[in-house]
PDB file of N, CA and C in Angstrom:
ATOM      1  N   UNK A   1      26.247 -41.274 -72.482  1.00  0.00           N
ATOM      2  CA  UNK A   1      25.510 -40.591 -72.128  1.00  0.00           C
ATOM      3  C   UNK A   1      26.440 -39.541 -71.027  1.00  0.00           C
ATOM      4  N   UNK A   2      26.166 -38.160 -71.288  1.00  0.00           N
ATOM      5  CA  UNK A   2      26.773 -37.256 -70.490  1.00  0.00           C
ATOM      6  C   UNK A   2      26.862 -37.318 -68.826  1.00  0.00           C
ATOM      7  N   UNK A   3      25.710 -38.006 -68.005  1.00  0.00           N
ATOM      8  CA  UNK A   3      25.744 -37.999 -66.912  1.00  0.00           C
ATOM      9  C   UNK A   3      26.297 -38.890 -66.219  1.00  0.00           C
ATOM     10  N   UNK A   4      26.545 -40.237 -67.091  1.00  0.00           N
ATOM     11  CA  UNK A   4      27.389 -41.465 -66.705  1.00  0.00           C
ATOM     12  C   UNK A   4      28.276 -41.483 -65.697  1.00  0.00           C
ATOM     13  N   UNK A   5      29.306 -40.748 -65.612  1.00  0.00           N
ATOM     14  CA  UNK A   5      30.562 -40.551 -64.920  1.00  0.00           C
ATOM     15  C   UNK A   5      30.090 -39.839 -63.450  1.00  0.00           C
ATOM     16  N   UNK A   6      29.583 -38.859 -63.619  1.00  0.00           N
ATOM     17  CA  UNK A   6      28.963 -37.962 -62.118  1.00  0.00           C
ATOM     18  C   UNK A   6      27.965 -38.924 -61.460  1.00  0.00           C
ATOM     19  N   UNK A   7      26.876 -39.703 -62.234  1.00  0.00           N
ATOM     20  CA  UNK A   7      26.204 -40.579 -61.821  1.00  0.00           C
ATOM     21  C   UNK A   7      26.942 -41.849 -60.715  1.00  0.00           C
ATOM     22  N   UNK A   8      28.057 -42.287 -61.630  1.00  0.00           N
ATOM     23  CA  UNK A   8      28.382 -43.256 -60.987  1.00  0.00           C
ATOM     24  C   UNK A   8      29.543 -43.037 -60.116  1.00  0.00           C
ATOM     25  N   UNK A   9      30.169 -41.822 -59.782  1.00  0.00           N
ATOM     26  CA  UNK A   9      30.767 -40.975 -58.562  1.00  0.00           C
ATOM     27  C   UNK A   9      29.858 -40.765 -57.372  1.00  0.00           C
ATOM     28  N   UNK A  10      28.518 -40.274 -57.981  1.00  0.00           N
ATOM     29  CA  UNK A  10      27.899 -40.083 -56.644  1.00  0.00           C
ATOM     30  C   UNK A  10      27.126 -41.514 -56.014  1.00  0.00           C
ATOM     31  N   UNK A  11      26.897 -42.681 -56.969  1.00  0.00           N
ATOM     32  CA  UNK A  11      26.780 -43.928 -56.253  1.00  0.00           C
ATOM     33  C   UNK A  11      27.809 -44.450 -55.406  1.00  0.00           C
ATOM     34  N   UNK A  12      29.034 -44.403 -55.844  1.00  0.00           N
ATOM     35  CA  UNK A  12      30.248 -44.618 -55.516  1.00  0.00           C
ATOM     36  C   UNK A  12      30.268 -44.202 -54.061  1.00  0.00           C
ATOM     37  N   UNK A  13      30.213 -42.841 -53.693  1.00  0.00           N
ATOM     38  CA  UNK A  13      30.088 -42.125 -52.831  1.00  0.00           C
ATOM     39  C   UNK A  13      29.358 -42.549 -51.795  1.00  0.00           C
ATOM     40  N   UNK A  14      27.737 -42.577 -52.200  1.00  0.00           N
ATOM     41  CA  UNK A  14      26.584 -43.159 -51.524  1.00  0.00           C
ATOM     42  C   UNK A  14      26.953 -44.459 -50.763  1.00  0.00           C
ATOM     43  N   UNK A  15      27.496 -45.591 -51.572  1.00  0.00           N
ATOM     44  CA  UNK A  15      27.762 -46.930 -51.211  1.00  0.00           C
ATOM     45  C   UNK A  15      28.904 -46.770 -50.151  1.00  0.00           C
ATOM     46  N   UNK A  16      29.980 -46.094 -50.292  1.00  0.00           N
ATOM     47  CA  UNK A  16      31.181 -45.905 -49.451  1.00  0.00           C
ATOM     48  C   UNK A  16      30.431 -45.123 -48.122  1.00  0.00           C
ATOM     49  N   UNK A  17      29.862 -44.219 -48.047  1.00  0.00           N
ATOM     50  CA  UNK A  17      29.137 -43.696 -47.063  1.00  0.00           C
ATOM     51  C   UNK A  17      28.226 -44.553 -46.308  1.00  0.00           C
ATOM     52  N   UNK A  18      27.369 -45.493 -46.818  1.00  0.00           N
ATOM     53  CA  UNK A  18      26.594 -46.506 -46.210  1.00  0.00           C
ATOM     54  C   UNK A  18      27.444 -47.263 -45.386  1.00  0.00           C
ATOM     55  N   UNK A  19      28.785 -47.707 -45.983  1.00  0.00           N
ATOM     56  CA  UNK A  19      29.416 -48.844 -45.259  1.00  0.00           C
ATOM     57  C   UNK A  19      30.079 -48.042 -43.891  1.00  0.00           C
ATOM     58  N   UNK A  20      30.280 -46.878 -44.099  1.00  0.00           N
ATOM     59  CA  UNK A  20      30.763 -45.881 -43.216  1.00  0.00           C
ATOM     60  C   UNK A  20      29.759 -46.279 -42.069  1.00  0.00           C
ATOM     61  N   UNK A  21      28.608 -45.812 -42.303  1.00  0.00           N
ATOM     62  CA  UNK A  21      27.740 -45.528 -41.536  1.00  0.00           C
ATOM     63  C   UNK A  21      27.205 -47.064 -40.646  1.00  0.00           C
ATOM     64  N   UNK A  22      27.228 -48.089 -41.495  1.00  0.00           N
ATOM     65  CA  UNK A  22      27.032 -49.210 -41.007  1.00  0.00           C
ATOM     66  C   UNK A  22      28.289 -49.506 -39.872  1.00  0.00           C
ATOM     67  N   UNK A  23      29.546 -49.130 -40.171  1.00  0.00           N
ATOM     68  CA  UNK A  23      30.446 -49.518 -39.173  1.00  0.00           C
ATOM     69  C   UNK A  23      30.080 -48.776 -38.275  1.00  0.00           C
ATOM     70  N   UNK A  24      29.773 -47.350 -38.133  1.00  0.00           N
ATOM     71  CA  UNK A  24      29.798 -46.736 -37.065  1.00  0.00           C
ATOM     72  C   UNK A  24      28.556 -46.934 -36.139  1.00  0.00           C
ATOM     73  N   UNK A  25      27.351 -47.056 -37.097  1.00  0.00           N
ATOM     74  CA  UNK A  25      25.837 -47.250 -35.932  1.00  0.00           C
ATOM     75  C   UNK A  25      25.780 -48.762 -35.792  1.00  0.00           C
ATOM     76  N   UNK A  26      26.040 -49.242 -36.838  1.00  0.00           N
ATOM     77  CA  UNK A  26      25.883 -50.699 -36.629  1.00  0.00           C
ATOM     78  C   UNK A  26      24.158 -50.950 -37.458  1.00  0.00           C
ATOM     79  N   UNK A  27      23.807 -51.885 -37.101  1.00  0.00           N
ATOM     80  CA  UNK A  27      22.440 -52.434 -37.430  1.00  0.00           C
ATOM     81  C   UNK A  27      21.182 -51.587 -37.377  1.00  0.00           C
ATOM     82  N   UNK A  28      20.690 -50.814 -38.371  1.00  0.00           N
ATOM     83  CA  UNK A  28      19.587 -49.901 -37.834  1.00  0.00           C
ATOM     84  C   UNK A  28      18.693 -50.404 -38.317  1.00  0.00           C
ATOM     85  N   UNK A  29      18.218 -51.744 -38.923  1.00  0.00           N
ATOM     86  CA  UNK A  29      17.186 -52.058 -39.578  1.00  0.00           C
ATOM     87  C   UNK A  29      15.614 -51.900 -38.708  1.00  0.00           C
ATOM     88  N   UNK A  30      15.954 -51.690 -37.487  1.00  0.00           N
ATOM     89  CA  UNK A  30      14.539 -52.011 -36.579  1.00  0.00           C
ATOM     90  C   UNK A  30      14.373 -50.563 -36.210  1.00  0.00           C
ATOM     91  N   UNK A  31      14.931 -49.276 -36.726  1.00  0.00           N
ATOM     92  CA  UNK A  31      14.400 -48.088 -36.296  1.00  0.00           C
ATOM     93  C   UNK A  31      13.017 -47.962 -36.865  1.00  0.00           C
ATOM     94  N   UNK A  32      12.400 -47.172 -36.009  1.00  0.00           N
ATOM     95  CA  UNK A  32      10.928 -46.641 -36.577  1.00  0.00           C
ATOM     96  C   UNK A  32      10.955 -45.544 -37.543  1.00  0.00           C
ATOM     97  N   UNK A  33       9.930 -45.434 -38.368  1.00  0.00           N
ATOM     98  CA  UNK A  33       9.906 -44.272 -39.471  1.00  0.00           C
ATOM     99  C   UNK A  33      10.218 -43.185 -38.600  1.00  0.00           C
ATOM    100  N   UNK A  34       9.522 -42.644 -37.831  1.00  0.00           N
ATOM    101  CA  UNK A  34       9.854 -41.616 -36.725  1.00  0.00           C
ATOM    102  C   UNK A  34      11.363 -41.558 -36.252  1.00  0.00           C
ATOM    103  N   UNK A  35      12.358 -42.358 -36.113  1.00  0.00           N
ATOM    104  CA  UNK A  35      13.581 -42.479 -35.877  1.00  0.00           C
ATOM    105  C   UNK A  35      14.121 -41.891 -37.219  1.00  0.00           C
ATOM    106  N   UNK A  36      13.867 -42.535 -38.281  1.00  0.00           N
ATOM    107  CA  UNK A  36      14.624 -42.126 -39.584  1.00  0.00           C
ATOM    108  C   UNK A  36      14.132 -40.923 -39.578  1.00  0.00           C
ATOM    109  N   UNK A  37      13.164 -40.382 -39.489  1.00  0.00           N
ATOM    110  CA  UNK A  37      12.969 -38.946 -39.689  1.00  0.00           C
ATOM    111  C   UNK A  37      13.600 -37.889 -39.114  1.00  0.00           C
ATOM    112  N   UNK A  38      13.787 -38.463 -37.731  1.00  0.00           N
ATOM    113  CA  UNK A  38      14.830 -37.359 -37.020  1.00  0.00           C
ATOM    114  C   UNK A  38      16.440 -37.288 -37.372  1.00  0.00           C
ATOM    115  N   UNK A  39      16.933 -38.664 -38.147  1.00  0.00           N
ATOM    116  CA  UNK A  39      18.029 -38.751 -38.556  1.00  0.00           C
ATOM    117  C   UNK A  39      18.338 -38.056 -39.916  1.00  0.00           C
ATOM    118  N   UNK A  40      17.100 -37.928 -40.570  1.00  0.00           N
ATOM    119  CA  UNK A  40      17.235 -37.324 -41.982  1.00  0.00           C
ATOM    120  C   UNK A  40      17.013 -35.987 -41.707  1.00  0.00           C
ATOM    121  N   UNK A  41      16.317 -35.370 -41.017  1.00  0.00           N
ATOM    122  CA  UNK A  41      16.280 -34.103 -40.365  1.00  0.00           C
ATOM    123  C   UNK A  41      17.200 -33.627 -39.940  1.00  0.00           C
ATOM    124  N   UNK A  42      17.821 -34.027 -39.698  1.00  0.00           N
ATOM    125  CA  UNK A  42      19.423 -33.703 -39.093  1.00  0.00           C
ATOM    126  C   UNK A  42      20.250 -33.666 -40.161  1.00  0.00           C
ATOM    127  N   UNK A  43      20.183 -34.456 -41.078  1.00  0.00           N
ATOM    128  CA  UNK A  43      21.257 -34.502 -41.894  1.00  0.00           C
ATOM    129  C   UNK A  43      21.128 -33.168 -43.131  1.00  0.00           C
ATOM    130  N   UNK A  44      19.474 -33.257 -43.177  1.00  0.00           N
ATOM    131  CA  UNK A  44      19.019 -32.218 -44.419  1.00  0.00           C
ATOM    132  C   UNK A  44      19.720 -30.711 -43.616  1.00  0.00           C
ATOM    133  N   UNK A  45      19.143 -30.737 -42.353  1.00  0.00           N
ATOM    134  CA  UNK A  45      19.871 -29.577 -41.517  1.00  0.00           C
ATOM    135  C   UNK A  45      21.604 -29.020 -41.957  1.00  0.00           C
ATOM    136  N   UNK A  46      22.328 -29.940 -41.684  1.00  0.00           N
ATOM    137  CA  UNK A  46      23.631 -30.084 -42.426  1.00  0.00           C
ATOM    138  C   UNK A  46      23.582 -29.384 -43.701  1.00  0.00           C
ATOM    139  N   UNK A  47      22.763 -30.017 -44.344  1.00  0.00           N
ATOM    140  CA  UNK A  47      22.851 -29.232 -46.022  1.00  0.00           C
ATOM    141  C   UNK A  47      22.308 -28.257 -46.307  1.00  0.00           C
ATOM    142  N   UNK A  48      21.224 -27.807 -45.327  1.00  0.00           N
ATOM    143  CA  UNK A  48      20.840 -26.418 -45.309  1.00  0.00           C
ATOM    144  C   UNK A  48      22.050 -25.337 -45.007  1.00  0.00           C
ATOM    145  N   UNK A  49      22.773 -25.678 -43.655  1.00  0.00           N
ATOM    146  CA  UNK A  49      23.688 -25.030 -43.266  1.00  0.00           C
ATOM    147  C   UNK A  49      24.697 -24.662 -44.065  1.00  0.00           C
ATOM    148  N   UNK A  50      25.249 -25.588 -44.897  1.00  0.00           N
ATOM    149  CA  UNK A  50      26.136 -25.447 -46.138  1.00  0.00           C
ATOM    150  C   UNK A  50      25.661 -24.198 -46.827  1.00  0.00           C
ATOM    151  N   UNK A  51      24.538 -24.730 -47.209  1.00  0.00           N
ATOM    152  CA  UNK A  51      23.900 -23.739 -48.372  1.00  0.00           C
ATOM    153  C   UNK A  51      23.721 -22.239 -47.577  1.00  0.00           C
ATOM    154  N   UNK A  52      23.176 -21.887 -46.178  1.00  0.00           N
ATOM    155  CA  UNK A  52      22.868 -20.860 -45.773  1.00  0.00           C
ATOM    156  C   UNK A  52      24.438 -20.278 -45.703  1.00  0.00           C
ATOM    157  N   UNK A  53      25.341 -20.720 -45.417  1.00  0.00           N
ATOM    158  CA  UNK A  53      26.778 -19.910 -45.048  1.00  0.00           C
ATOM    159  C   UNK A  53      27.456 -20.234 -46.247  1.00  0.00           C
ATOM    160  N   UNK A  54      27.046 -20.430 -47.696  1.00  0.00           N
ATOM    161  CA  UNK A  54      27.323 -20.415 -48.813  1.00  0.00           C
ATOM    162  C   UNK A  54      28.760 -21.041 -48.905  1.00  0.00           C
ATOM    163  N   UNK A  55      28.776 -22.154 -48.188  1.00  0.00           N
ATOM    164  CA  UNK A  55      30.331 -23.009 -48.434  1.00  0.00           C
ATOM    165  C   UNK A  55      30.044 -24.301 -49.336  1.00  0.00           C
ATOM    166  N   UNK A  56      30.701 -24.398 -49.820  1.00  0.00           N
ATOM    167  CA  UNK A  56      30.764 -25.471 -50.936  1.00  0.00           C
ATOM    168  C   UNK A  56      31.706 -26.463 -50.850  1.00  0.00           C
ATOM    169  N   UNK A  57      32.740 -26.116 -49.748  1.00  0.00           N
ATOM    170  CA  UNK A  57      33.655 -27.102 -49.529  1.00  0.00           C
ATOM    171  C   UNK A  57      33.208 -28.592 -49.026  1.00  0.00           C
ATOM    172  N   UNK A  58      32.008 -28.504 -48.029  1.00  0.00           N
ATOM    173  CA  UNK A  58      31.641 -29.656 -47.515  1.00  0.00           C
ATOM    174  C   UNK A  58      30.105 -29.836 -48.040  1.00  0.00           C
ATOM    175  N   UNK A  59      29.617 -29.175 -49.317  1.00  0.00           N
ATOM    176  CA  UNK A  59      28.201 -29.488 -49.542  1.00  0.00           C
ATOM    177  C   UNK A  59      28.073 -31.077 -50.020  1.00  0.00           C
ATOM    178  N   UNK A  60      29.062 -31.363 -51.139  1.00  0.00           N
ATOM    179  CA  UNK A  60      28.918 -32.473 -51.501  1.00  0.00           C
ATOM    180  C   UNK A  60      29.452 -33.869 -50.468  1.00  0.00           C
ATOM    181  N   UNK A  61      29.806 -33.649 -49.345  1.00  0.00           N
ATOM    182  CA  UNK A  61      29.853 -34.663 -48.559  1.00  0.00           C
ATOM    183  C   UNK A  61      28.631 -34.742 -47.745  1.00  0.00           C
ATOM    184  N   UNK A  62      27.930 -33.632 -47.263  1.00  0.00           N
ATOM    185  CA  UNK A  62      26.669 -33.548 -46.553  1.00  0.00           C
ATOM    186  C   UNK A  62      25.517 -33.933 -47.571  1.00  0.00           C
ATOM    187  N   UNK A  63      25.486 -33.679 -48.727  1.00  0.00           N
ATOM    188  CA  UNK A  63      24.263 -34.411 -49.687  1.00  0.00           C
ATOM    189  C   UNK A  63      24.687 -35.871 -49.677  1.00  0.00           C
ATOM    190  N   UNK A  64      25.601 -36.309 -49.877  1.00  0.00           N
ATOM    191  CA  UNK A  64      26.086 -37.810 -49.882  1.00  0.00           C
ATOM    192  C   UNK A  64      25.658 -38.475 -48.728  1.00  0.00           C
ATOM    193  N   UNK A  65      25.690 -37.882 -47.449  1.00  0.00           N
ATOM    194  CA  UNK A  65      25.299 -38.306 -46.220  1.00  0.00           C
ATOM    195  C   UNK A  65      23.909 -38.273 -46.128  1.00  0.00           C
ATOM    196  N   UNK A  66      23.207 -37.468 -46.492  1.00  0.00           N
ATOM    197  CA  UNK A  66      21.766 -37.108 -46.650  1.00  0.00           C
ATOM    198  C   UNK A  66      21.301 -38.438 -47.357  1.00  0.00           C
ATOM    199  N   UNK A  67      21.776 -38.571 -48.859  1.00  0.00           N
ATOM    200  CA  UNK A  67      21.291 -39.532 -49.750  1.00  0.00           C
ATOM    201  C   UNK A  67      21.704 -40.822 -49.394  1.00  0.00           C
ATOM    202  N   UNK A  68      22.578 -40.966 -48.357  1.00  0.00           N
ATOM    203  CA  UNK A  68      22.759 -42.731 -47.812  1.00  0.00           C
ATOM    204  C   UNK A  68      21.945 -42.718 -46.882  1.00  0.00           C
ATOM    205  N   UNK A  69      21.376 -41.835 -45.834  1.00  0.00           N
ATOM    206  CA  UNK A  69      20.482 -42.004 -44.949  1.00  0.00           C
ATOM    207  C   UNK A  69      19.300 -42.382 -45.496  1.00  0.00           C
ATOM    208  N   UNK A  70      18.929 -41.827 -46.435  1.00  0.00           N
ATOM    209  CA  UNK A  70      17.633 -41.966 -47.226  1.00  0.00           C
ATOM    210  C   UNK A  70      17.699 -43.681 -47.975  1.00  0.00           C
ATOM    211  N   UNK A  71      18.924 -44.077 -48.392  1.00  0.00           N
ATOM    212  CA  UNK A  71      19.403 -45.467 -48.937  1.00  0.00           C
ATOM    213  C   UNK A  71      18.943 -46.142 -47.925  1.00  0.00           C
ATOM    214  N   UNK A  72      19.701 -45.869 -46.555  1.00  0.00           N
ATOM    215  CA  UNK A  72      19.485 -46.897 -45.254  1.00  0.00           C
ATOM    216  C   UNK A  72      18.257 -47.280 -44.905  1.00  0.00           C
ATOM    217  N   UNK A  73      17.813 -45.909 -45.053  1.00  0.00           N
ATOM    218  CA  UNK A  73      15.888 -45.876 -44.413  1.00  0.00           C
ATOM    219  C   UNK A  73      15.163 -46.965 -45.346  1.00  0.00           C
ATOM    220  N   UNK A  74      15.532 -46.767 -47.003  1.00  0.00           N
ATOM    221  CA  UNK A  74      14.709 -47.542 -47.667  1.00  0.00           C
ATOM    222  C   UNK A  74      15.295 -49.009 -47.374  1.00  0.00           C
ATOM    223  N   UNK A  75      16.363 -49.613 -47.519  1.00  0.00           N
ATOM    224  CA  UNK A  75      17.019 -50.907 -47.156  1.00  0.00           C
ATOM    225  C   UNK A  75      16.199 -51.342 -45.741  1.00  0.00           C
ATOM    226  N   UNK A  76      16.292 -50.912 -44.697  1.00  0.00           N
ATOM    227  CA  UNK A  76      15.496 -50.752 -43.490  1.00  0.00           C
ATOM    228  C   UNK A  76      13.910 -51.255 -43.696  1.00  0.00           C
ATOM    229  N   UNK A  77      13.404 -50.200 -44.857  1.00  0.00           N
ATOM    230  CA  UNK A  77      12.019 -50.538 -44.701  1.00  0.00           C
ATOM    231  C   UNK A  77      11.702 -51.881 -45.481  1.00  0.00           C
ATOM    232  N   UNK A  78      12.764 -51.884 -46.493  1.00  0.00           N
ATOM    233  CA  UNK A  78      12.497 -53.683 -47.376  1.00  0.00           C
ATOM    234  C   UNK A  78      12.797 -54.726 -46.513  1.00  0.00           C
ATOM    235  N   UNK A  79      13.774 -54.738 -45.397  1.00  0.00           N
ATOM    236  CA  UNK A  79      14.488 -55.692 -44.616  1.00  0.00           C
ATOM    237  C   UNK A  79      13.202 -55.894 -43.433  1.00  0.00           C
ATOM    238  N   UNK A  80      12.196 -54.890 -42.987  1.00  0.00           N
ATOM    239  CA  UNK A  80      11.487 -55.212 -41.867  1.00  0.00           C
ATOM    240  C   UNK A  80       9.937 -55.536 -42.637  1.00  0.00           C
ATOM    241  N   UNK A  81      10.024 -55.128 -43.798  1.00  0.00           N
ATOM    242  CA  UNK A  81       8.400 -55.464 -44.556  1.00  0.00           C
ATOM    243  C   UNK A  81       7.932 -57.064 -44.646  1.00  0.00           C
ATOM    244  N   UNK A  82       8.677 -57.804 -44.639  1.00  0.00           N
ATOM    245  CA  UNK A  82       8.305 -59.257 -44.378  1.00  0.00           C
ATOM    246  C   UNK A  82       7.636 -59.441 -43.010  1.00  0.00           C
ATOM    247  N   UNK A  83       8.487 -59.017 -42.063  1.00  0.00           N
ATOM    248  CA  UNK A  83       7.714 -59.252 -40.598  1.00  0.00           C
ATOM    249  C   UNK A  83       6.798 -58.669 -40.600  1.00  0.00           C
ATOM    250  N   UNK A  84       6.026 -57.434 -41.271  1.00  0.00           N
ATOM    251  CA  UNK A  84       5.194 -56.717 -41.019  1.00  0.00           C
ATOM    252  C   UNK A  84       4.117 -57.229 -41.880  1.00  0.00           C
ATOM    253  N   UNK A  85       4.187 -58.094 -42.844  1.00  0.00           N
ATOM    254  CA  UNK A  85       3.239 -58.851 -43.592  1.00  0.00           C
ATOM    255  C   UNK A  85       2.546 -60.238 -42.826  1.00  0.00           C
ATOM    256  N   UNK A  86       3.417 -60.418 -41.741  1.00  0.00           N
ATOM    257  CA  UNK A  86       3.189 -61.825 -41.333  1.00  0.00           C
ATOM    258  C   UNK A  86       1.893 -61.918 -40.324  1.00  0.00           C
TER     259      UNK A  86
END
């Protein structure tokens, strides 16, 4: 498949960024959805700035950070779901 290598590179980069975020911020499992929205909006703003300023050098890194925040939010959602169902 033609997309296998880029897909693997992106996934590897997102997972590495998740590790970096965990090291920097620690456990964020109990962040509220409102808090996750603020974090994600800030990251999307950084992507928007790269687009607006026509800078491609930092684009990949910013998109990966954005994807990693979505990944972290999804993890947090699944981790807290059993507690909400009790």
